[in-house]
Protein backbone atom coordinates (compact mmCIF):
# COMPACT_ATOMS: atom_id res chain seq x y z
CA MET A 1 93.83 70.34 110.01
CA SER A 2 96.67 72.35 108.52
CA ASP A 3 99.29 74.63 110.04
CA ALA A 4 101.30 77.30 108.23
CA SER A 5 103.85 79.85 109.39
CA TYR A 6 104.01 83.45 108.17
CA ASP A 7 105.58 86.73 109.11
CA VAL A 8 102.36 88.72 108.69
CA ILE A 9 98.79 87.46 108.83
CA ILE A 10 96.13 89.87 107.56
CA VAL A 11 92.53 89.28 108.55
CA GLY A 12 90.32 90.70 105.80
CA GLY A 13 90.87 91.18 102.07
CA GLY A 14 89.31 94.60 101.54
CA PRO A 15 91.23 97.78 100.62
CA ALA A 16 92.88 98.01 104.07
CA GLY A 17 94.04 94.40 103.99
CA LEU A 18 95.27 94.67 100.42
CA GLY A 19 97.14 97.89 101.25
CA ALA A 20 98.87 96.20 104.17
CA ALA A 21 99.72 93.18 102.05
CA LEU A 22 101.30 95.29 99.32
CA TYR A 23 103.81 96.90 101.65
CA SER A 24 104.37 93.80 103.76
CA SER A 25 105.07 91.52 100.82
CA ARG A 26 107.27 94.14 99.12
CA ASP A 27 109.37 94.10 102.28
CA ARG A 28 109.80 90.38 101.66
CA PHE A 29 107.79 89.34 104.68
CA ARG A 30 105.87 86.14 104.10
CA THR A 31 102.32 87.42 104.03
CA VAL A 32 98.89 85.82 103.91
CA ILE A 33 95.42 87.37 103.69
CA LEU A 34 92.60 85.42 105.32
CA GLU A 35 89.28 86.52 103.79
CA LYS A 36 85.98 84.99 104.89
CA MET A 37 84.43 85.54 101.44
CA MET A 38 86.25 86.91 98.41
CA PRO A 39 88.75 89.82 98.26
CA GLY A 40 87.35 93.31 97.89
CA GLY A 41 85.02 93.98 100.78
CA GLN A 42 82.31 96.62 100.31
CA ILE A 43 84.17 98.34 97.49
CA PHE A 44 83.58 95.30 95.27
CA ASN A 45 79.90 96.29 95.02
CA THR A 46 80.65 99.87 93.95
CA ASN A 47 79.82 100.67 90.35
CA ARG A 48 81.84 103.85 89.90
CA ILE A 49 84.91 105.08 91.76
CA GLU A 50 86.12 108.56 90.88
CA ASN A 51 87.84 109.59 94.12
CA TYR A 52 90.85 107.25 94.12
CA PRO A 53 93.95 109.34 93.35
CA GLY A 54 95.56 108.62 90.00
CA ILE A 55 92.58 106.73 88.57
CA ALA A 56 90.00 108.92 86.87
CA ARG A 57 87.27 106.31 86.92
CA ILE A 58 87.00 102.59 87.63
CA ASP A 59 84.46 100.19 89.06
CA GLY A 60 84.90 98.28 92.29
CA PRO A 61 85.58 94.85 90.77
CA GLY A 62 88.14 96.37 88.41
CA LEU A 63 90.05 98.09 91.19
CA VAL A 64 89.97 95.00 93.41
CA ASP A 65 91.25 92.85 90.54
CA GLN A 66 94.21 95.20 90.00
CA MET A 67 95.02 95.36 93.71
CA GLN A 68 94.79 91.60 94.11
CA LYS A 69 97.06 90.91 91.15
CA GLN A 70 99.55 93.47 92.44
CA VAL A 71 99.88 91.98 95.92
CA GLU A 72 100.04 88.44 94.54
CA SER A 73 102.85 89.51 92.20
CA PHE A 74 104.94 90.26 95.30
CA GLY A 75 104.17 86.92 96.91
CA THR A 76 101.11 87.54 99.06
CA GLU A 77 98.96 84.44 99.49
CA ILE A 78 95.21 84.97 99.59
CA LYS A 79 93.03 82.40 101.32
CA ALA A 80 89.42 83.02 100.35
CA ALA A 81 86.53 81.43 102.26
CA SER A 82 88.72 81.47 105.37
CA GLU A 83 86.73 82.86 108.28
CA VAL A 84 88.82 83.63 111.35
CA THR A 85 87.37 82.24 114.57
CA ASP A 86 90.13 82.87 117.12
CA ILE A 87 93.46 84.60 117.71
CA LYS A 88 95.78 83.73 120.57
CA ARG A 89 99.40 83.89 121.56
CA THR A 90 101.38 80.64 121.52
CA ALA A 91 103.80 79.48 124.20
CA GLY A 92 106.61 80.53 121.89
CA GLY A 93 105.32 84.11 121.75
CA ARG A 94 103.87 84.00 118.25
CA LEU A 95 100.28 84.62 117.23
CA GLU A 96 98.04 81.76 116.20
CA VAL A 97 95.06 82.53 113.99
CA SER A 98 92.41 79.84 113.64
CA CYS A 99 90.06 79.37 110.71
CA GLY A 100 88.04 76.36 111.72
CA LYS A 101 90.45 73.43 111.59
CA ASP A 102 93.17 75.44 109.84
CA ARG A 103 95.73 77.34 111.90
CA TYR A 104 98.14 80.06 110.80
CA VAL A 105 101.04 81.16 112.98
CA GLY A 106 102.61 84.57 112.51
CA ARG A 107 104.88 87.18 114.02
CA ALA A 108 102.30 89.94 113.58
CA VAL A 109 98.62 90.24 112.68
CA VAL A 110 96.72 93.06 110.96
CA LEU A 111 93.00 93.17 111.69
CA ALA A 112 91.18 94.55 108.65
CA PRO A 113 87.72 92.92 108.68
CA GLY A 114 86.04 96.20 107.73
CA SER A 115 82.51 97.20 108.60
CA SER A 116 79.08 96.98 107.03
CA TYR A 117 76.52 99.67 106.44
CA ARG A 118 73.55 99.37 108.77
CA LYS A 119 70.59 98.82 106.48
CA LEU A 120 66.95 99.77 106.72
CA GLY A 121 65.84 96.29 105.77
CA VAL A 122 62.99 97.52 103.58
CA PRO A 123 61.74 96.21 100.22
CA GLY A 124 63.76 97.51 97.29
CA GLU A 125 66.89 98.33 99.29
CA GLU A 126 68.96 95.37 98.11
CA GLU A 127 67.45 95.37 94.61
CA PHE A 128 68.49 98.91 93.80
CA ARG A 129 71.79 98.77 95.65
CA ASN A 130 72.98 95.72 93.72
CA ALA A 131 71.88 97.21 90.43
CA GLY A 132 73.63 100.49 91.17
CA ALA A 133 70.31 102.16 90.42
CA GLY A 134 69.90 104.67 93.19
CA VAL A 135 70.53 103.30 96.70
CA SER A 136 73.74 104.49 98.34
CA TYR A 137 75.26 104.56 101.81
CA CYS A 138 77.94 107.17 101.09
CA GLY A 139 77.14 110.70 100.00
CA THR A 140 80.81 111.63 99.83
CA CYS A 141 81.38 108.78 97.38
CA ASP A 142 78.25 108.98 95.25
CA GLY A 143 76.91 112.51 95.58
CA PRO A 144 78.41 113.74 92.28
CA PHE A 145 76.49 111.03 90.40
CA PHE A 146 73.21 112.68 91.45
CA ARG A 147 73.91 116.14 90.12
CA ASP A 148 70.67 118.06 89.44
CA ARG A 149 68.53 115.17 90.67
CA GLU A 150 66.20 114.82 93.65
CA VAL A 151 67.30 112.53 96.46
CA VAL A 152 66.12 111.35 99.85
CA ALA A 153 68.53 110.95 102.76
CA VAL A 154 67.64 108.89 105.83
CA GLY A 155 69.04 109.42 109.33
CA GLY A 156 69.38 111.85 112.21
CA GLY A 157 72.94 111.68 113.50
CA ASN A 158 76.07 113.67 112.70
CA THR A 159 76.90 111.59 109.64
CA ALA A 160 73.39 111.88 108.22
CA ILE A 161 73.38 115.67 108.48
CA GLU A 162 76.94 116.07 107.20
CA GLU A 163 76.23 113.82 104.24
CA ALA A 164 72.89 115.50 103.49
CA LEU A 165 74.60 118.89 103.42
CA HIS A 166 77.21 117.44 101.08
CA LEU A 167 74.52 116.05 98.79
CA ALA A 168 72.99 119.52 98.54
CA LYS A 169 76.11 120.63 96.67
CA PHE A 170 75.06 118.41 93.78
CA ALA A 171 71.41 117.42 93.96
CA SER A 172 68.60 119.77 92.93
CA LYS A 173 66.70 118.79 96.06
CA VAL A 174 67.56 116.84 99.23
CA THR A 175 64.86 115.61 101.59
CA LEU A 176 66.15 114.40 104.94
CA VAL A 177 63.85 111.79 106.51
CA HIS A 178 64.10 111.46 110.30
CA ARG A 179 61.99 109.26 112.55
CA ARG A 180 61.94 111.82 115.38
CA ASN A 181 61.02 115.50 115.63
CA GLU A 182 64.46 116.52 116.88
CA PHE A 183 68.02 115.55 116.00
CA ARG A 184 70.61 113.82 118.17
CA ALA A 185 73.41 115.34 116.09
CA ASP A 186 75.72 118.10 117.33
CA LYS A 187 73.97 121.42 117.72
CA VAL A 188 76.27 123.22 115.29
CA LEU A 189 75.39 120.75 112.54
CA VAL A 190 71.68 121.02 113.26
CA GLU A 191 71.92 124.79 113.06
CA GLU A 192 73.65 124.55 109.70
CA LEU A 193 70.98 122.16 108.43
CA LEU A 194 68.12 124.37 109.59
CA ALA A 195 69.74 127.43 108.02
CA LYS A 196 69.99 125.50 104.75
CA THR A 197 66.34 124.47 104.85
CA ALA A 198 65.34 128.11 105.46
CA GLU A 199 66.96 129.30 102.24
CA PRO A 200 64.43 130.58 99.67
CA ASN A 201 65.50 128.17 96.92
CA GLY A 202 63.94 125.25 98.84
CA LYS A 203 66.83 122.94 97.98
CA MET A 204 66.73 121.14 101.34
CA THR A 205 63.73 120.00 103.35
CA ILE A 206 63.12 117.77 106.37
CA ARG A 207 60.43 115.17 106.92
CA TYR A 208 60.18 114.73 110.67
CA ASP A 209 58.49 111.80 112.45
CA SER A 210 58.82 109.73 109.29
CA VAL A 211 60.38 106.46 108.19
CA VAL A 212 61.04 104.87 104.81
CA THR A 213 59.12 101.60 104.50
CA ALA A 214 59.99 100.77 100.88
CA ILE A 215 62.18 101.92 97.99
CA GLN A 216 60.36 101.73 94.68
CA GLY A 217 60.94 101.97 90.96
CA GLU A 218 61.37 100.10 87.71
CA GLY A 219 65.04 99.50 86.94
CA LYS A 220 66.01 102.51 89.07
CA VAL A 221 64.77 104.35 92.13
CA GLN A 222 61.71 106.46 91.38
CA SER A 223 60.18 106.95 94.82
CA VAL A 224 60.26 105.93 98.46
CA ARG A 225 57.31 104.94 100.59
CA LEU A 226 57.10 107.22 103.67
CA ARG A 227 55.11 106.52 106.83
CA ASN A 228 54.45 109.09 109.54
CA VAL A 229 55.18 107.32 112.84
CA LYS A 230 52.66 109.45 114.73
CA THR A 231 49.67 109.39 112.40
CA GLY A 232 50.36 106.22 110.44
CA ASP A 233 49.72 108.05 107.17
CA GLU A 234 51.69 106.77 104.16
CA GLU A 235 52.64 108.33 100.83
CA ASP A 236 54.83 107.65 97.82
CA TYR A 237 57.49 110.35 97.71
CA PRO A 238 59.15 110.85 94.29
CA CYS A 239 62.96 110.86 94.15
CA ASP A 240 65.87 109.70 91.99
CA GLY A 241 67.95 108.20 94.77
CA ALA A 242 67.89 107.06 98.39
CA PHE A 243 70.89 107.66 100.64
CA ILE A 244 70.86 105.70 103.89
CA PHE A 245 72.88 107.05 106.84
CA VAL A 246 71.79 105.04 109.86
CA GLY A 247 75.19 103.90 111.08
CA MET A 248 77.93 101.36 110.55
CA VAL A 249 78.34 97.88 111.98
CA PRO A 250 81.99 96.80 112.40
CA ASN A 251 82.64 93.18 111.46
CA THR A 252 84.26 92.41 114.80
CA ASP A 253 82.01 89.99 116.66
CA PHE A 254 84.69 87.31 116.42
CA LEU A 255 87.15 89.59 118.25
CA LYS A 256 85.20 89.90 121.51
CA GLY A 257 87.53 88.94 124.35
CA ILE A 258 90.58 89.02 122.04
CA VAL A 259 91.20 92.76 121.61
CA GLU A 260 89.55 95.72 123.29
CA LEU A 261 86.43 96.99 121.52
CA THR A 262 84.16 99.97 122.02
CA ASP A 263 80.54 99.46 123.03
CA GLN A 264 79.68 99.76 119.33
CA GLY A 265 82.21 97.06 118.41
CA PHE A 266 84.94 99.23 116.88
CA ILE A 267 88.50 98.18 117.67
CA ARG A 268 90.25 100.46 120.14
CA CYS A 269 93.74 101.42 119.10
CA ASP A 270 96.62 103.83 119.37
CA CYS A 271 95.60 105.76 116.26
CA ALA A 272 99.13 107.04 115.62
CA HIS A 273 100.59 103.54 115.24
CA LEU A 274 97.46 101.37 114.91
CA ARG A 275 98.42 99.19 117.87
CA THR A 276 95.58 97.27 119.54
CA SER A 277 95.43 96.02 123.13
CA LEU A 278 97.07 92.72 122.11
CA PRO A 279 100.83 93.09 121.41
CA GLY A 280 101.68 92.19 117.84
CA VAL A 281 98.15 92.80 116.60
CA PHE A 282 97.55 95.93 114.54
CA VAL A 283 94.32 97.27 113.06
CA ALA A 284 93.49 99.02 109.78
CA GLY A 285 90.43 100.40 108.05
CA ASP A 286 86.77 100.94 108.82
CA CYS A 287 86.71 98.58 111.81
CA ARG A 288 88.80 100.87 114.05
CA VAL A 289 87.96 103.87 116.18
CA GLY A 290 88.43 107.13 114.33
CA ALA A 291 88.13 105.66 110.84
CA THR A 292 86.82 108.02 108.15
CA MET A 293 85.15 105.22 106.18
CA GLN A 294 86.74 106.10 102.83
CA LEU A 295 88.48 103.87 100.30
CA ILE A 296 91.72 105.84 100.22
CA THR A 297 92.03 106.11 104.01
CA ALA A 298 91.43 102.39 104.41
CA VAL A 299 94.29 101.67 102.02
CA ALA A 300 96.45 104.22 103.87
CA ASP A 301 95.66 102.51 107.18
CA GLY A 302 96.87 99.21 105.76
CA VAL A 303 100.09 100.83 104.56
CA ASN A 304 100.65 102.48 107.95
CA ALA A 305 100.09 99.21 109.77
CA ALA A 306 102.64 97.47 107.53
CA MET A 307 105.17 100.23 108.22
CA MET A 308 104.60 99.90 111.96
CA ILE A 309 105.11 96.16 111.75
CA LYS A 310 108.66 96.76 110.57
CA GLN A 311 109.30 98.82 113.67
CA TYR A 312 107.81 96.09 115.84
CA PHE A 313 109.97 93.40 114.22
CA ARG A 314 113.10 95.48 114.82
CA ASP A 315 112.27 96.04 118.47
CA PRO A 316 109.41 94.08 120.08
CA GLN A 317 109.73 96.29 123.15
CA TRP A 318 108.66 99.24 120.99
CA TRP A 319 105.09 98.05 121.49
CA LYS A 320 105.07 99.31 125.07
CA LYS A 321 107.04 102.48 124.46
CA ALA A 322 105.40 105.87 124.35
CA ASP A 323 106.07 108.17 121.45
CA ALA A 324 107.05 111.72 122.30
CA GLN A 325 104.60 113.03 119.72
CA ALA A 326 101.76 110.55 120.14
CA GLY A 327 101.54 110.20 123.94
CA THR A 328 101.12 106.84 125.64
CA PRO A 329 100.63 103.87 123.29
CA PHE A 330 97.26 102.99 124.78
CA GLY A 331 96.02 106.45 125.58
CA TRP A 332 92.49 105.83 124.49
């Protein structure tokens, strides 16, 4: 067992955690990142990033490497393979974070465990995602890479429709695959989708009552296997890419009973200041309510959390104070 004392403990080494660490360590607060695997999070598996301001193009590992070296240059410690199992307040008023037998005590904690894309779990999904050969979970991120190509999008909620409409700005054809014959998305989005499918150019189409049972190809995606849930009929449907929009799963199971979560597992917070229900514990990135699930906003969340920590250190009573512009601190 080991014990260590820090000013700021950051749970999660993805973009949000690294953003928080950069500002925290530059303020000369002793900072540690506890990462259950290796730094980077989901972005580490991204082949091309072209929407990070100031960098025309870079891959995920390259960006993570630069961010990691930058925070370490200011003194941030990174503890890889350190999975957090508990967070509690000590008798002295500090926060104790446990990683198995190791314990870290800090004045403030930033929760940045991120979230994971909900997957279809079908053959070919992991193969073509890891190879960067046609499986994506973010149309906003990867749509431009499929310019003038035919893609399949899977899902029926708001995100699926919004992302499919975005893909239509680039792809020559977008086929939205939905397991039901009606959408659960907001009516205004459904109306926009239906209007798009009615256009004479045939750029968008919908396959109702259908599911993807496999993603197929040699070296890259060349087709998906579709099954009609009503008739059982199957077919190989040609495409150049498969975009999967069936939801996100926040990596917050370990936080049940520690901070307040939504029914879906996202961390509830005061979105103006990123305060959670546990004083001294902030949140940043894709794991929180209201997150936009983008690289740049995750980094920005981390920066905002680090800035709020300074306010908290100056005046611990600030935690319970309402802001004239933001309303009550826990007005969720």
